[in-house]
Amino acid sequence: MRDRGFALLLLFTRMTRLFLAALAVTMLSSCALISPAQDDMQVAVIDKVPAALPQRQTHPATLLVLPPAINPVYDSVRMAYRTRPYQVEYFSRNEWGASPAQMLLPLLTRTLENTHYFDAVLTPPYFGPYRLALRTEILELTQDFTTEPATLQLALRAQLVERVSNRIIASRNLSLRQPMLQKTPYAGVVAANDATAQALQQIAEFVLENAQ
């Protein structure tokens, strides 16, 4: 009788342990399901504008800044780099917070507003009158690791268009190579911001030179 009781007690103990182990596994699985996934993607932005801009007396004119066109290779949040000629790759753990064209449009607007030359600097949708329109195109935005030091390559095209005649009254290509302090994606982001600020400075000067 004592042996039978001991056997029952041992069986009960084993079943209790199995139950607790199963309960623990279930709770851990539930926690895994409701816990947020670990995302190690690094998201960066380009938001630097020139520190100093040429200032002009305000004129009664409206400038329409059109959304930048962009080379399809770079029309993405994917961050491009190059380790050999004629080949573009994309970082797997680093990306832009928006496409380069989406980031550039508000920077163009803010920069040209800061010159104080135009009564208004507007973006689409806008259906009112305006005198000039600024077209831009991003031709390249690449972290280039084939050079020493590594460089950020930014190439743009800017065109100033007269509304009435739809005539291009001035056009300029810009090409900037900004050295990167390290061979890392973040160093490329810093260089991209510096290069963009320089490009915005040159575009502002280009617009003011040709808007007279």
N, C-alpha and C. Protein backbone atom coordinates (compact mmCIF):
# COMPACT_ATOMS: atom_id res chain seq x y z
N MET A 1 0.84 -1.22 0.00
CA MET A 1 0.00 0.00 0.00
C MET A 1 0.86 1.25 0.00
N ARG A 2 1.94 1.21 0.81
CA ARG A 2 2.83 2.37 0.88
C ARG A 2 3.53 2.56 -0.47
N ASP A 3 3.91 1.41 -1.12
CA ASP A 3 4.58 1.51 -2.43
C ASP A 3 3.63 2.08 -3.48
N ARG A 4 2.37 1.69 -3.39
CA ARG A 4 1.39 2.21 -4.35
C ARG A 4 1.18 3.72 -4.16
N GLY A 5 1.13 4.14 -2.93
CA GLY A 5 0.96 5.57 -2.65
C GLY A 5 2.17 6.37 -3.13
N PHE A 6 3.35 5.79 -2.92
CA PHE A 6 4.56 6.47 -3.37
C PHE A 6 4.59 6.60 -4.89
N ALA A 7 4.14 5.52 -5.56
CA ALA A 7 4.12 5.54 -7.03
C ALA A 7 3.14 6.60 -7.54
N LEU A 8 1.98 6.70 -6.89
CA LEU A 8 1.00 7.71 -7.29
C LEU A 8 1.55 9.12 -7.09
N LEU A 9 2.26 9.30 -5.96
CA LEU A 9 2.84 10.61 -5.67
C LEU A 9 3.89 10.97 -6.73
N LEU A 10 4.69 9.98 -7.10
CA LEU A 10 5.73 10.21 -8.10
C LEU A 10 5.11 10.55 -9.45
N LEU A 11 4.04 9.84 -9.82
CA LEU A 11 3.35 10.10 -11.07
C LEU A 11 2.75 11.50 -11.08
N PHE A 12 2.13 11.89 -9.94
CA PHE A 12 1.55 13.23 -9.83
C PHE A 12 2.62 14.31 -9.98
N THR A 13 3.77 14.07 -9.36
CA THR A 13 4.87 15.06 -9.44
C THR A 13 5.34 15.23 -10.87
N ARG A 14 5.48 14.09 -11.56
CA ARG A 14 5.93 14.16 -12.95
C ARG A 14 4.93 14.89 -13.84
N MET A 15 3.62 14.60 -13.64
CA MET A 15 2.59 15.24 -14.43
C MET A 15 2.55 16.74 -14.16
N THR A 16 2.77 17.11 -12.90
CA THR A 16 2.79 18.54 -12.55
C THR A 16 3.93 19.26 -13.25
N ARG A 17 5.10 18.62 -13.26
CA ARG A 17 6.26 19.22 -13.92
C ARG A 17 6.01 19.39 -15.43
N LEU A 18 5.42 18.36 -16.05
CA LEU A 18 5.12 18.44 -17.47
C LEU A 18 4.12 19.55 -17.77
N PHE A 19 3.11 19.68 -16.89
CA PHE A 19 2.10 20.73 -17.07
C PHE A 19 2.74 22.11 -16.97
N LEU A 20 3.61 22.30 -15.96
CA LEU A 20 4.26 23.60 -15.77
C LEU A 20 5.19 23.92 -16.94
N ALA A 21 5.87 22.89 -17.43
CA ALA A 21 6.76 23.11 -18.57
C ALA A 21 5.97 23.51 -19.80
N ALA A 22 4.84 22.83 -20.04
CA ALA A 22 3.99 23.16 -21.18
C ALA A 22 3.42 24.57 -21.05
N LEU A 23 3.02 24.93 -19.82
CA LEU A 23 2.48 26.27 -19.58
C LEU A 23 3.53 27.34 -19.86
N ALA A 24 4.77 27.06 -19.43
CA ALA A 24 5.85 28.02 -19.66
C ALA A 24 6.10 28.22 -21.15
N VAL A 25 6.11 27.11 -21.91
CA VAL A 25 6.32 27.21 -23.36
C VAL A 25 5.21 28.01 -24.01
N THR A 26 3.97 27.78 -23.58
CA THR A 26 2.83 28.51 -24.14
C THR A 26 2.93 30.00 -23.86
N MET A 27 3.32 30.35 -22.64
CA MET A 27 3.44 31.76 -22.28
C MET A 27 4.54 32.43 -23.07
N LEU A 28 5.67 31.72 -23.25
CA LEU A 28 6.77 32.30 -24.02
C LEU A 28 6.37 32.51 -25.47
N SER A 29 5.62 31.55 -26.03
CA SER A 29 5.15 31.68 -27.41
C SER A 29 4.21 32.87 -27.55
N SER A 30 3.32 33.06 -26.58
CA SER A 30 2.38 34.19 -26.61
C SER A 30 3.13 35.50 -26.56
N CYS A 31 4.16 35.57 -25.69
CA CYS A 31 4.95 36.80 -25.59
C CYS A 31 5.64 37.10 -26.90
N ALA A 32 6.15 36.04 -27.56
CA ALA A 32 6.84 36.23 -28.83
C ALA A 32 5.88 36.77 -29.88
N LEU A 33 4.61 36.32 -29.83
CA LEU A 33 3.63 36.76 -30.82
C LEU A 33 3.25 38.22 -30.64
N ILE A 34 3.16 38.69 -29.41
CA ILE A 34 2.69 40.06 -29.19
C ILE A 34 3.84 41.05 -29.07
N SER A 35 5.09 40.57 -28.94
CA SER A 35 6.22 41.48 -28.84
C SER A 35 6.52 42.08 -30.21
N PRO A 36 6.88 43.38 -30.27
CA PRO A 36 7.22 43.98 -31.56
C PRO A 36 8.47 43.34 -32.13
N ALA A 37 8.48 43.16 -33.46
CA ALA A 37 9.65 42.57 -34.11
C ALA A 37 10.83 43.53 -34.02
N GLN A 38 11.99 42.96 -33.84
CA GLN A 38 13.20 43.76 -33.78
C GLN A 38 13.58 44.17 -35.21
N ASP A 39 13.62 45.47 -35.47
CA ASP A 39 13.93 45.98 -36.80
C ASP A 39 15.22 46.78 -36.71
N ASP A 40 16.29 46.26 -37.32
CA ASP A 40 17.56 46.95 -37.23
C ASP A 40 17.84 47.77 -38.48
N MET A 41 16.81 48.08 -39.27
CA MET A 41 16.97 48.96 -40.43
C MET A 41 17.25 50.38 -39.98
N GLN A 42 18.29 50.99 -40.51
CA GLN A 42 18.66 52.36 -40.19
C GLN A 42 18.09 53.29 -41.25
N VAL A 43 17.24 54.24 -40.83
CA VAL A 43 16.55 55.14 -41.75
C VAL A 43 17.16 56.54 -41.64
N ALA A 44 17.50 57.11 -42.78
CA ALA A 44 18.17 58.41 -42.79
C ALA A 44 17.40 59.39 -43.67
N VAL A 45 17.67 60.68 -43.48
CA VAL A 45 17.02 61.72 -44.28
C VAL A 45 18.06 62.72 -44.78
N ILE A 46 17.67 63.42 -45.83
CA ILE A 46 18.42 64.58 -46.32
C ILE A 46 17.57 65.80 -46.03
N ASP A 47 18.04 66.68 -45.14
CA ASP A 47 17.24 67.85 -44.76
C ASP A 47 18.08 69.09 -44.52
N LYS A 48 19.30 69.13 -45.06
CA LYS A 48 20.19 70.27 -44.83
C LYS A 48 20.01 71.30 -45.93
N VAL A 49 19.88 72.57 -45.53
CA VAL A 49 19.77 73.67 -46.48
C VAL A 49 20.98 74.59 -46.28
N PRO A 50 21.26 75.45 -47.25
CA PRO A 50 22.43 76.34 -47.12
C PRO A 50 22.31 77.26 -45.91
N ALA A 51 23.44 77.49 -45.26
CA ALA A 51 23.45 78.36 -44.08
C ALA A 51 23.30 79.82 -44.47
N ALA A 52 23.86 80.21 -45.62
CA ALA A 52 23.80 81.60 -46.07
C ALA A 52 23.42 81.63 -47.54
N LEU A 53 22.50 82.53 -47.88
CA LEU A 53 22.02 82.63 -49.24
C LEU A 53 22.06 84.08 -49.71
N PRO A 54 22.24 84.29 -51.03
CA PRO A 54 22.14 85.66 -51.53
C PRO A 54 20.74 86.21 -51.29
N GLN A 55 20.67 87.44 -50.84
CA GLN A 55 19.39 88.08 -50.55
C GLN A 55 19.07 89.10 -51.65
N ARG A 56 17.83 89.16 -52.06
CA ARG A 56 17.40 90.10 -53.09
C ARG A 56 16.14 90.83 -52.63
N GLN A 57 15.91 92.00 -53.22
CA GLN A 57 14.67 92.72 -52.96
C GLN A 57 13.51 91.91 -53.53
N THR A 58 12.42 91.88 -52.79
CA THR A 58 11.27 91.07 -53.21
C THR A 58 10.62 91.66 -54.47
N HIS A 59 10.30 90.75 -55.42
CA HIS A 59 9.66 91.15 -56.66
C HIS A 59 8.24 90.58 -56.71
N PRO A 60 7.33 91.26 -57.38
CA PRO A 60 5.94 90.76 -57.48
C PRO A 60 5.86 89.62 -58.50
N ALA A 61 6.42 88.49 -58.15
CA ALA A 61 6.45 87.35 -59.07
C ALA A 61 6.29 86.06 -58.27
N THR A 62 5.68 85.09 -58.90
CA THR A 62 5.49 83.78 -58.27
C THR A 62 6.35 82.75 -58.99
N LEU A 63 7.05 81.93 -58.22
CA LEU A 63 7.86 80.85 -58.76
C LEU A 63 7.18 79.52 -58.41
N LEU A 64 6.96 78.70 -59.41
CA LEU A 64 6.39 77.37 -59.20
C LEU A 64 7.53 76.35 -59.23
N VAL A 65 7.73 75.65 -58.14
CA VAL A 65 8.77 74.62 -58.05
C VAL A 65 8.12 73.27 -58.32
N LEU A 66 8.47 72.67 -59.43
CA LEU A 66 7.88 71.39 -59.82
C LEU A 66 8.56 70.24 -59.09
N PRO A 67 7.85 69.16 -58.82
CA PRO A 67 8.47 67.99 -58.18
C PRO A 67 9.65 67.50 -59.01
N PRO A 68 10.78 67.26 -58.40
CA PRO A 68 11.95 66.82 -59.17
C PRO A 68 11.70 65.49 -59.89
N ALA A 69 12.17 65.42 -61.13
CA ALA A 69 12.26 64.13 -61.81
C ALA A 69 13.49 63.42 -61.26
N ILE A 70 13.59 62.11 -61.52
CA ILE A 70 14.71 61.37 -60.96
C ILE A 70 15.04 60.17 -61.83
N ASN A 71 16.30 59.89 -61.95
CA ASN A 71 16.76 58.67 -62.62
C ASN A 71 16.12 57.47 -61.94
N PRO A 72 15.49 56.56 -62.69
CA PRO A 72 14.80 55.42 -62.06
C PRO A 72 15.69 54.58 -61.15
N VAL A 73 16.99 54.58 -61.37
CA VAL A 73 17.90 53.81 -60.53
C VAL A 73 17.83 54.27 -59.07
N TYR A 74 17.53 55.56 -58.88
CA TYR A 74 17.55 56.14 -57.54
C TYR A 74 16.15 56.52 -57.04
N ASP A 75 15.12 56.17 -57.81
CA ASP A 75 13.75 56.53 -57.45
C ASP A 75 13.18 55.51 -56.46
N SER A 76 13.74 55.53 -55.25
CA SER A 76 13.40 54.52 -54.24
C SER A 76 13.96 54.99 -52.91
N VAL A 77 13.50 54.37 -51.83
CA VAL A 77 14.11 54.63 -50.53
C VAL A 77 15.40 53.85 -50.36
N ARG A 78 15.70 52.95 -51.30
CA ARG A 78 16.92 52.15 -51.21
C ARG A 78 18.14 53.05 -51.40
N MET A 79 19.16 52.84 -50.60
CA MET A 79 20.35 53.68 -50.59
C MET A 79 21.43 53.04 -51.47
N ALA A 80 21.81 53.75 -52.52
CA ALA A 80 22.69 53.17 -53.53
C ALA A 80 24.16 53.41 -53.20
N TYR A 81 24.98 52.43 -53.58
CA TYR A 81 26.43 52.58 -53.45
C TYR A 81 27.10 51.83 -54.60
N ARG A 82 28.41 52.10 -54.76
CA ARG A 82 29.16 51.49 -55.84
C ARG A 82 30.52 51.02 -55.31
N THR A 83 30.90 49.81 -55.65
CA THR A 83 32.21 49.28 -55.29
C THR A 83 33.04 48.96 -56.52
N ARG A 84 32.41 49.05 -57.69
CA ARG A 84 33.12 48.83 -58.95
C ARG A 84 32.42 49.64 -60.04
N PRO A 85 33.16 50.00 -61.09
CA PRO A 85 32.54 50.81 -62.16
C PRO A 85 31.37 50.08 -62.82
N TYR A 86 30.41 50.87 -63.27
CA TYR A 86 29.26 50.40 -64.05
C TYR A 86 28.30 49.50 -63.27
N GLN A 87 28.42 49.51 -61.95
CA GLN A 87 27.54 48.64 -61.16
C GLN A 87 27.05 49.40 -59.94
N VAL A 88 25.74 49.32 -59.67
CA VAL A 88 25.13 49.95 -58.50
C VAL A 88 24.52 48.88 -57.63
N GLU A 89 24.77 48.97 -56.33
CA GLU A 89 24.19 48.05 -55.35
C GLU A 89 23.43 48.87 -54.31
N TYR A 90 22.70 48.17 -53.43
CA TYR A 90 21.90 48.85 -52.41
C TYR A 90 22.19 48.23 -51.05
N PHE A 91 22.32 49.11 -50.04
CA PHE A 91 22.54 48.62 -48.68
C PHE A 91 21.31 47.83 -48.22
N SER A 92 21.56 46.78 -47.45
CA SER A 92 20.46 45.95 -46.96
C SER A 92 19.92 46.44 -45.62
N ARG A 93 20.70 47.22 -44.86
CA ARG A 93 20.27 47.66 -43.52
C ARG A 93 20.21 49.18 -43.40
N ASN A 94 20.28 49.88 -44.52
CA ASN A 94 20.22 51.34 -44.51
C ASN A 94 19.33 51.80 -45.65
N GLU A 95 18.44 52.74 -45.37
CA GLU A 95 17.56 53.26 -46.41
C GLU A 95 17.19 54.71 -46.10
N TRP A 96 16.66 55.38 -47.12
CA TRP A 96 16.16 56.75 -46.94
C TRP A 96 14.75 56.73 -46.36
N GLY A 97 14.41 57.79 -45.65
CA GLY A 97 13.06 57.90 -45.10
C GLY A 97 12.01 58.18 -46.16
N ALA A 98 12.44 58.69 -47.31
CA ALA A 98 11.57 58.94 -48.46
C ALA A 98 12.47 58.90 -49.68
N SER A 99 11.88 58.90 -50.85
CA SER A 99 12.72 58.89 -52.04
C SER A 99 13.50 60.21 -52.12
N PRO A 100 14.65 60.22 -52.77
CA PRO A 100 15.42 61.47 -52.89
C PRO A 100 14.62 62.62 -53.48
N ALA A 101 13.77 62.33 -54.46
CA ALA A 101 12.95 63.40 -55.06
C ALA A 101 11.97 63.98 -54.05
N GLN A 102 11.37 63.12 -53.24
CA GLN A 102 10.42 63.60 -52.22
C GLN A 102 11.13 64.43 -51.16
N MET A 103 12.36 64.09 -50.83
CA MET A 103 13.11 64.87 -49.84
C MET A 103 13.59 66.19 -50.41
N LEU A 104 13.91 66.22 -51.72
CA LEU A 104 14.48 67.43 -52.31
C LEU A 104 13.46 68.54 -52.51
N LEU A 105 12.22 68.21 -52.84
CA LEU A 105 11.22 69.23 -53.16
C LEU A 105 11.04 70.27 -52.05
N PRO A 106 10.79 69.88 -50.78
CA PRO A 106 10.63 70.91 -49.75
C PRO A 106 11.91 71.69 -49.49
N LEU A 107 13.07 71.08 -49.73
CA LEU A 107 14.33 71.80 -49.53
C LEU A 107 14.52 72.87 -50.60
N LEU A 108 14.14 72.55 -51.84
CA LEU A 108 14.19 73.56 -52.89
C LEU A 108 13.27 74.73 -52.57
N THR A 109 12.06 74.43 -52.14
CA THR A 109 11.09 75.47 -51.81
C THR A 109 11.59 76.37 -50.69
N ARG A 110 12.08 75.73 -49.62
CA ARG A 110 12.55 76.51 -48.47
C ARG A 110 13.75 77.38 -48.84
N THR A 111 14.66 76.83 -49.63
CA THR A 111 15.85 77.58 -50.03
C THR A 111 15.48 78.81 -50.85
N LEU A 112 14.59 78.65 -51.82
CA LEU A 112 14.22 79.76 -52.68
C LEU A 112 13.35 80.78 -51.94
N GLU A 113 12.56 80.32 -50.99
CA GLU A 113 11.83 81.27 -50.13
C GLU A 113 12.80 82.13 -49.35
N ASN A 114 13.90 81.54 -48.90
CA ASN A 114 14.86 82.26 -48.06
C ASN A 114 15.65 83.32 -48.82
N THR A 115 15.58 83.32 -50.16
CA THR A 115 16.23 84.40 -50.91
C THR A 115 15.40 85.68 -50.88
N HIS A 116 14.09 85.54 -50.58
CA HIS A 116 13.14 86.66 -50.51
C HIS A 116 12.96 87.38 -51.84
N TYR A 117 13.35 86.74 -52.95
CA TYR A 117 13.22 87.40 -54.25
C TYR A 117 11.78 87.35 -54.76
N PHE A 118 11.10 86.24 -54.53
CA PHE A 118 9.77 86.05 -55.08
C PHE A 118 8.69 86.36 -54.03
N ASP A 119 7.59 86.89 -54.54
CA ASP A 119 6.43 87.09 -53.69
C ASP A 119 5.98 85.78 -53.06
N ALA A 120 6.01 84.72 -53.87
CA ALA A 120 5.57 83.41 -53.40
C ALA A 120 6.37 82.34 -54.14
N VAL A 121 6.70 81.29 -53.39
CA VAL A 121 7.33 80.11 -53.97
C VAL A 121 6.39 78.95 -53.67
N LEU A 122 5.81 78.37 -54.72
CA LEU A 122 4.73 77.40 -54.55
C LEU A 122 5.08 76.07 -55.21
N THR A 123 4.34 75.05 -54.83
CA THR A 123 4.49 73.72 -55.42
C THR A 123 3.11 73.21 -55.85
N PRO A 124 3.06 72.28 -56.78
CA PRO A 124 1.77 71.69 -57.17
C PRO A 124 1.14 70.94 -56.00
N PRO A 125 -0.19 70.87 -55.95
CA PRO A 125 -1.12 71.40 -56.96
C PRO A 125 -1.34 72.90 -56.80
N TYR A 126 -1.13 73.62 -57.86
CA TYR A 126 -1.37 75.06 -57.87
C TYR A 126 -1.85 75.42 -59.28
N PHE A 127 -2.98 76.10 -59.39
CA PHE A 127 -3.57 76.39 -60.68
C PHE A 127 -3.68 77.90 -60.95
N GLY A 128 -3.06 78.69 -60.09
CA GLY A 128 -3.09 80.14 -60.29
C GLY A 128 -1.98 80.60 -61.21
N PRO A 129 -1.88 81.91 -61.40
CA PRO A 129 -0.85 82.46 -62.29
C PRO A 129 0.55 82.38 -61.65
N TYR A 130 1.54 82.24 -62.49
CA TYR A 130 2.94 82.30 -62.06
C TYR A 130 3.77 82.73 -63.26
N ARG A 131 4.95 83.25 -63.00
CA ARG A 131 5.80 83.74 -64.09
C ARG A 131 6.83 82.72 -64.52
N LEU A 132 7.46 82.06 -63.53
CA LEU A 132 8.53 81.11 -63.83
C LEU A 132 8.29 79.79 -63.12
N ALA A 133 8.80 78.73 -63.72
CA ALA A 133 8.76 77.41 -63.09
C ALA A 133 10.17 76.85 -63.04
N LEU A 134 10.47 76.15 -61.96
CA LEU A 134 11.77 75.51 -61.82
C LEU A 134 11.61 74.01 -61.97
N ARG A 135 12.27 73.46 -62.98
CA ARG A 135 12.32 72.01 -63.15
C ARG A 135 13.67 71.50 -62.69
N THR A 136 13.69 70.41 -61.98
CA THR A 136 14.94 69.79 -61.57
C THR A 136 14.87 68.29 -61.84
N GLU A 137 16.05 67.69 -61.95
CA GLU A 137 16.13 66.25 -62.13
C GLU A 137 17.35 65.73 -61.37
N ILE A 138 17.13 64.69 -60.59
CA ILE A 138 18.24 64.03 -59.88
C ILE A 138 18.81 62.97 -60.82
N LEU A 139 20.04 63.17 -61.24
CA LEU A 139 20.67 62.25 -62.18
C LEU A 139 21.44 61.14 -61.47
N GLU A 140 21.98 61.47 -60.29
CA GLU A 140 22.76 60.46 -59.55
C GLU A 140 22.80 60.82 -58.07
N LEU A 141 22.73 59.80 -57.22
CA LEU A 141 22.93 59.95 -55.78
C LEU A 141 23.52 58.63 -55.29
N THR A 142 24.84 58.57 -55.24
CA THR A 142 25.53 57.31 -55.00
C THR A 142 26.69 57.51 -54.03
N GLN A 143 26.83 56.56 -53.12
CA GLN A 143 28.03 56.49 -52.30
C GLN A 143 29.07 55.67 -53.08
N ASP A 144 30.17 56.32 -53.45
CA ASP A 144 31.15 55.71 -54.34
C ASP A 144 32.37 55.26 -53.53
N PHE A 145 32.52 53.93 -53.42
CA PHE A 145 33.64 53.36 -52.67
C PHE A 145 34.78 52.92 -53.59
N THR A 146 34.74 53.36 -54.85
CA THR A 146 35.83 53.03 -55.77
C THR A 146 36.94 54.06 -55.69
N THR A 147 36.71 55.15 -54.96
CA THR A 147 37.70 56.22 -54.86
C THR A 147 38.32 56.23 -53.46
N GLU A 148 39.41 56.94 -53.33
CA GLU A 148 40.07 57.09 -52.03
C GLU A 148 40.33 58.58 -51.79
N PRO A 149 39.67 59.24 -50.83
CA PRO A 149 38.65 58.62 -49.96
C PRO A 149 37.35 58.35 -50.72
N ALA A 150 36.47 57.59 -50.08
CA ALA A 150 35.15 57.37 -50.66
C ALA A 150 34.42 58.70 -50.80
N THR A 151 33.56 58.81 -51.79
CA THR A 151 32.86 60.07 -52.04
C THR A 151 31.38 59.84 -52.26
N LEU A 152 30.62 60.88 -51.97
CA LEU A 152 29.19 60.89 -52.29
C LEU A 152 29.05 61.66 -53.61
N GLN A 153 28.46 61.03 -54.59
CA GLN A 153 28.28 61.67 -55.89
C GLN A 153 26.82 62.10 -56.06
N LEU A 154 26.65 63.39 -56.28
CA LEU A 154 25.32 63.96 -56.49
C LEU A 154 25.34 64.74 -57.80
N ALA A 155 24.46 64.39 -58.71
CA ALA A 155 24.35 65.11 -59.98
C ALA A 155 22.90 65.54 -60.19
N LEU A 156 22.73 66.80 -60.57
CA LEU A 156 21.39 67.38 -60.76
C LEU A 156 21.36 68.18 -62.05
N ARG A 157 20.16 68.35 -62.58
CA ARG A 157 19.93 69.28 -63.68
C ARG A 157 18.83 70.24 -63.25
N ALA A 158 19.04 71.53 -63.51
CA ALA A 158 18.04 72.56 -63.18
C ALA A 158 17.69 73.34 -64.43
N GLN A 159 16.39 73.61 -64.62
CA GLN A 159 15.92 74.39 -65.75
C GLN A 159 14.90 75.41 -65.27
N LEU A 160 15.04 76.62 -65.76
CA LEU A 160 14.08 77.67 -65.44
C LEU A 160 13.21 77.90 -66.68
N VAL A 161 11.89 77.80 -66.49
CA VAL A 161 10.95 77.81 -67.62
C VAL A 161 10.01 79.01 -67.48
N GLU A 162 9.83 79.73 -68.58
CA GLU A 162 8.88 80.84 -68.61
C GLU A 162 7.48 80.28 -68.89
N ARG A 163 6.51 80.67 -68.08
CA ARG A 163 5.18 80.06 -68.18
C ARG A 163 4.48 80.39 -69.50
N VAL A 164 4.47 81.67 -69.87
CA VAL A 164 3.68 82.10 -71.03
C VAL A 164 4.10 81.38 -72.30
N SER A 165 5.40 81.30 -72.55
CA SER A 165 5.90 80.68 -73.78
C SER A 165 6.29 79.23 -73.59
N ASN A 166 6.31 78.76 -72.32
CA ASN A 166 6.79 77.41 -72.00
C ASN A 166 8.20 77.18 -72.54
N ARG A 167 8.98 78.24 -72.53
CA ARG A 167 10.35 78.21 -73.07
C ARG A 167 11.36 78.06 -71.94
N ILE A 168 12.34 77.20 -72.13
CA ILE A 168 13.43 77.08 -71.17
C ILE A 168 14.36 78.27 -71.35
N ILE A 169 14.41 79.14 -70.34
CA ILE A 169 15.23 80.35 -70.49
C ILE A 169 16.64 80.16 -69.93
N ALA A 170 16.85 79.10 -69.13
CA ALA A 170 18.19 78.82 -68.63
C ALA A 170 18.24 77.38 -68.14
N SER A 171 19.40 76.77 -68.28
CA SER A 171 19.58 75.38 -67.85
C SER A 171 20.99 75.22 -67.29
N ARG A 172 21.11 74.38 -66.27
CA ARG A 172 22.44 74.16 -65.68
C ARG A 172 22.53 72.74 -65.12
N ASN A 173 23.66 72.09 -65.36
CA ASN A 173 23.96 70.80 -64.77
C ASN A 173 24.90 70.99 -63.60
N LEU A 174 24.63 70.31 -62.51
CA LEU A 174 25.47 70.38 -61.32
C LEU A 174 26.00 68.99 -61.01
N SER A 175 27.29 68.91 -60.69
CA SER A 175 27.90 67.64 -60.31
C SER A 175 28.79 67.88 -59.11
N LEU A 176 28.48 67.21 -58.01
CA LEU A 176 29.24 67.41 -56.78
C LEU A 176 29.80 66.07 -56.29
N ARG A 177 31.02 66.10 -55.83
CA ARG A 177 31.68 64.93 -55.24
C ARG A 177 32.11 65.32 -53.83
N GLN A 178 31.40 64.82 -52.83
CA GLN A 178 31.64 65.19 -51.44
C GLN A 178 32.40 64.07 -50.75
N PRO A 179 33.62 64.35 -50.24
CA PRO A 179 34.38 63.29 -49.56
C PRO A 179 33.64 62.76 -48.33
N MET A 180 33.74 61.46 -48.11
CA MET A 180 33.15 60.81 -46.93
C MET A 180 34.25 60.59 -45.90
N LEU A 181 33.96 60.88 -44.64
CA LEU A 181 34.97 60.77 -43.58
C LEU A 181 35.27 59.32 -43.23
N GLN A 182 34.33 58.43 -43.51
CA GLN A 182 34.52 57.00 -43.26
C GLN A 182 33.86 56.22 -44.38
N LYS A 183 34.22 54.96 -44.49
CA LYS A 183 33.58 54.09 -45.49
C LYS A 183 32.40 53.38 -44.84
N THR A 184 31.40 54.18 -44.45
CA THR A 184 30.20 53.64 -43.81
C THR A 184 28.97 54.29 -44.42
N PRO A 185 27.82 53.64 -44.36
CA PRO A 185 26.59 54.25 -44.89
C PRO A 185 26.28 55.59 -44.22
N TYR A 186 26.50 55.70 -42.90
CA TYR A 186 26.15 56.95 -42.22
C TYR A 186 27.06 58.09 -42.68
N ALA A 187 28.34 57.79 -42.91
CA ALA A 187 29.23 58.82 -43.45
C ALA A 187 28.72 59.29 -44.81
N GLY A 188 28.15 58.37 -45.58
CA GLY A 188 27.56 58.75 -46.86
C GLY A 188 26.34 59.64 -46.68
N VAL A 189 25.55 59.39 -45.64
CA VAL A 189 24.38 60.23 -45.36
C VAL A 189 24.82 61.66 -45.02
N VAL A 190 25.84 61.77 -44.19
CA VAL A 190 26.36 63.10 -43.83
C VAL A 190 26.86 63.82 -45.08
N ALA A 191 27.60 63.10 -45.92
CA ALA A 191 28.12 63.70 -47.15
C ALA A 191 26.99 64.08 -48.10
N ALA A 192 25.92 63.28 -48.13
CA ALA A 192 24.77 63.59 -48.98
C ALA A 192 24.10 64.89 -48.53
N ASN A 193 23.99 65.10 -47.23
CA ASN A 193 23.41 66.34 -46.72
C ASN A 193 24.30 67.54 -47.08
N ASP A 194 25.61 67.38 -46.93
CA ASP A 194 26.52 68.48 -47.27
C ASP A 194 26.46 68.80 -48.77
N ALA A 195 26.46 67.76 -49.60
CA ALA A 195 26.41 67.97 -51.05
C ALA A 195 25.09 68.61 -51.46
N THR A 196 24.00 68.19 -50.84
CA THR A 196 22.69 68.76 -51.17
C THR A 196 22.63 70.24 -50.82
N ALA A 197 23.18 70.61 -49.67
CA ALA A 197 23.19 72.03 -49.28
C ALA A 197 23.98 72.85 -50.29
N GLN A 198 25.11 72.31 -50.76
CA GLN A 198 25.90 73.01 -51.78
C GLN A 198 25.12 73.13 -53.08
N ALA A 199 24.44 72.06 -53.46
CA ALA A 199 23.65 72.09 -54.70
C ALA A 199 22.51 73.11 -54.59
N LEU A 200 21.86 73.15 -53.45
CA LEU A 200 20.77 74.12 -53.25
C LEU A 200 21.29 75.55 -53.34
N GLN A 201 22.48 75.79 -52.81
CA GLN A 201 23.10 77.12 -52.91
C GLN A 201 23.30 77.48 -54.39
N GLN A 202 23.82 76.55 -55.17
CA GLN A 202 24.09 76.81 -56.58
C GLN A 202 22.78 77.00 -57.36
N ILE A 203 21.75 76.23 -57.01
CA ILE A 203 20.46 76.38 -57.70
C ILE A 203 19.84 77.73 -57.39
N ALA A 204 19.93 78.16 -56.13
CA ALA A 204 19.40 79.47 -55.77
C ALA A 204 20.10 80.58 -56.55
N GLU A 205 21.41 80.50 -56.65
CA GLU A 205 22.16 81.51 -57.42
C GLU A 205 21.77 81.46 -58.89
N PHE A 206 21.60 80.24 -59.42
CA PHE A 206 21.19 80.07 -60.83
C PHE A 206 19.83 80.71 -61.08
N VAL A 207 18.88 80.50 -60.19
CA VAL A 207 17.53 81.06 -60.37
C VAL A 207 17.58 82.57 -60.30
N LEU A 208 18.29 83.12 -59.33
CA LEU A 208 18.34 84.58 -59.19
C LEU A 208 19.03 85.23 -60.36
N GLU A 209 20.06 84.59 -60.91
CA GLU A 209 20.78 85.14 -62.06
C GLU A 209 19.88 85.25 -63.28
N ASN A 210 18.94 84.29 -63.41
CA ASN A 210 18.17 84.21 -64.65
C ASN A 210 16.71 84.64 -64.51
N ALA A 211 16.33 85.07 -63.30
CA ALA A 211 14.94 85.47 -63.07
C ALA A 211 14.72 86.96 -63.29
N GLN A 212 15.79 87.68 -63.66
CA GLN A 212 15.66 89.13 -63.81
C GLN A 212 14.70 89.45 -64.95
